[in-house]
Amino acid sequence: MKKEFKLTVKGSGTYVADSFIELIWIVFKHRCEHLLKGEGWRD
C-alpha cells in the first residue's frame, strides 16, 4: 500500500507525491523554475 503525501498551498494549488522526499523535491523544483524565469521564489 502506497502512502500519498499531499501539500495544499492556499491560493496556488496542490502538490501530490508518493513519498515525503519526492514531495519536497517537486516543490523545490517548481519554485526554482519560477526563480529562473525571474518571477521570484514563489508558487
N, C-alpha and C. Protein backbone atom coordinates (compact mmCIF):
# COMPACT_ATOMS: atom_id res chain seq x y z
N MET A 1 0.84 -1.19 0.00
CA MET A 1 0.00 0.00 0.00
C MET A 1 0.88 1.25 0.00
N LYS A 2 0.71 2.08 -1.00
CA LYS A 2 1.48 3.32 -1.08
C LYS A 2 0.83 4.40 -0.25
N LYS A 3 1.65 5.16 0.43
CA LYS A 3 1.16 6.33 1.14
C LYS A 3 1.25 7.51 0.19
N GLU A 4 0.27 8.35 0.23
CA GLU A 4 0.28 9.52 -0.63
C GLU A 4 0.46 10.77 0.23
N PHE A 5 1.41 11.58 -0.15
CA PHE A 5 1.68 12.82 0.56
C PHE A 5 1.12 13.97 -0.27
N LYS A 6 0.45 14.88 0.42
CA LYS A 6 -0.24 15.96 -0.28
C LYS A 6 0.05 17.28 0.44
N LEU A 7 0.38 18.30 -0.33
CA LEU A 7 0.59 19.64 0.21
C LEU A 7 -0.34 20.59 -0.53
N THR A 8 -1.21 21.25 0.21
CA THR A 8 -2.12 22.22 -0.38
C THR A 8 -1.63 23.61 -0.02
N VAL A 9 -1.38 24.42 -1.05
CA VAL A 9 -0.89 25.78 -0.87
C VAL A 9 -2.06 26.72 -1.15
N LYS A 10 -2.45 27.48 -0.15
CA LYS A 10 -3.60 28.37 -0.26
C LYS A 10 -3.40 29.36 -1.41
N GLY A 11 -4.35 29.39 -2.31
CA GLY A 11 -4.31 30.32 -3.42
C GLY A 11 -3.47 29.87 -4.61
N SER A 12 -2.78 28.71 -4.48
CA SER A 12 -1.91 28.27 -5.56
C SER A 12 -2.26 26.90 -6.12
N GLY A 13 -2.58 25.96 -5.26
CA GLY A 13 -2.90 24.63 -5.74
C GLY A 13 -2.41 23.54 -4.80
N THR A 14 -2.26 22.34 -5.35
CA THR A 14 -1.92 21.17 -4.55
C THR A 14 -0.78 20.41 -5.20
N TYR A 15 0.14 19.94 -4.38
CA TYR A 15 1.23 19.06 -4.81
C TYR A 15 0.96 17.68 -4.22
N VAL A 16 1.17 16.62 -5.00
CA VAL A 16 0.95 15.25 -4.53
C VAL A 16 2.13 14.40 -4.96
N ALA A 17 2.60 13.52 -4.04
CA ALA A 17 3.71 12.63 -4.34
C ALA A 17 3.56 11.34 -3.54
N ASP A 18 4.32 10.32 -3.94
CA ASP A 18 4.27 9.02 -3.26
C ASP A 18 5.13 8.99 -2.00
N SER A 19 6.11 9.89 -1.89
CA SER A 19 6.96 9.93 -0.70
C SER A 19 7.18 11.38 -0.27
N PHE A 20 7.54 11.55 0.98
CA PHE A 20 7.78 12.88 1.51
C PHE A 20 8.95 13.56 0.81
N ILE A 21 10.02 12.79 0.57
CA ILE A 21 11.21 13.33 -0.12
C ILE A 21 10.84 13.77 -1.54
N GLU A 22 10.05 12.96 -2.22
CA GLU A 22 9.62 13.32 -3.57
C GLU A 22 8.78 14.60 -3.55
N LEU A 23 7.93 14.75 -2.55
CA LEU A 23 7.10 15.95 -2.43
C LEU A 23 7.97 17.20 -2.25
N ILE A 24 8.96 17.10 -1.38
CA ILE A 24 9.89 18.22 -1.17
C ILE A 24 10.60 18.56 -2.48
N TRP A 25 11.05 17.54 -3.20
CA TRP A 25 11.76 17.75 -4.47
C TRP A 25 10.86 18.45 -5.49
N ILE A 26 9.61 18.03 -5.61
CA ILE A 26 8.68 18.62 -6.57
C ILE A 26 8.46 20.10 -6.27
N VAL A 27 8.23 20.43 -5.01
CA VAL A 27 8.01 21.82 -4.62
C VAL A 27 9.27 22.65 -4.88
N PHE A 28 10.44 22.13 -4.49
CA PHE A 28 11.71 22.84 -4.69
C PHE A 28 11.96 23.10 -6.17
N LYS A 29 11.76 22.07 -7.00
CA LYS A 29 11.98 22.20 -8.44
C LYS A 29 11.03 23.23 -9.05
N HIS A 30 9.78 23.18 -8.64
CA HIS A 30 8.78 24.12 -9.18
C HIS A 30 9.14 25.57 -8.81
N ARG A 31 9.54 25.77 -7.58
CA ARG A 31 9.91 27.13 -7.15
C ARG A 31 11.18 27.61 -7.84
N CYS A 32 12.13 26.71 -8.08
CA CYS A 32 13.35 27.09 -8.82
C CYS A 32 13.02 27.50 -10.24
N GLU A 33 12.04 26.84 -10.86
CA GLU A 33 11.63 27.21 -12.21
C GLU A 33 11.12 28.65 -12.24
N HIS A 34 10.33 29.03 -11.24
CA HIS A 34 9.85 30.42 -11.15
C HIS A 34 11.02 31.38 -10.94
N LEU A 35 11.94 31.00 -10.09
CA LEU A 35 13.10 31.84 -9.80
C LEU A 35 13.93 32.08 -11.06
N LEU A 36 14.17 31.04 -11.84
CA LEU A 36 14.97 31.16 -13.06
C LEU A 36 14.25 31.97 -14.15
N LYS A 37 12.94 32.01 -14.10
CA LYS A 37 12.17 32.82 -15.05
C LYS A 37 12.12 34.28 -14.64
N GLY A 38 12.67 34.60 -13.47
CA GLY A 38 12.67 35.97 -12.99
C GLY A 38 11.42 36.35 -12.21
N GLU A 39 10.63 35.36 -11.83
CA GLU A 39 9.38 35.62 -11.12
C GLU A 39 9.55 35.59 -9.60
N GLY A 40 10.73 35.25 -9.15
CA GLY A 40 10.98 35.17 -7.72
C GLY A 40 10.71 33.78 -7.16
N TRP A 41 10.91 33.64 -5.86
CA TRP A 41 10.74 32.36 -5.16
C TRP A 41 9.28 32.25 -4.75
N ARG A 42 8.45 31.70 -5.65
CA ARG A 42 7.02 31.67 -5.38
C ARG A 42 6.40 30.39 -5.90
N ASP A 43 5.14 30.19 -5.56
CA ASP A 43 4.38 29.05 -6.05
C ASP A 43 3.67 29.38 -7.31
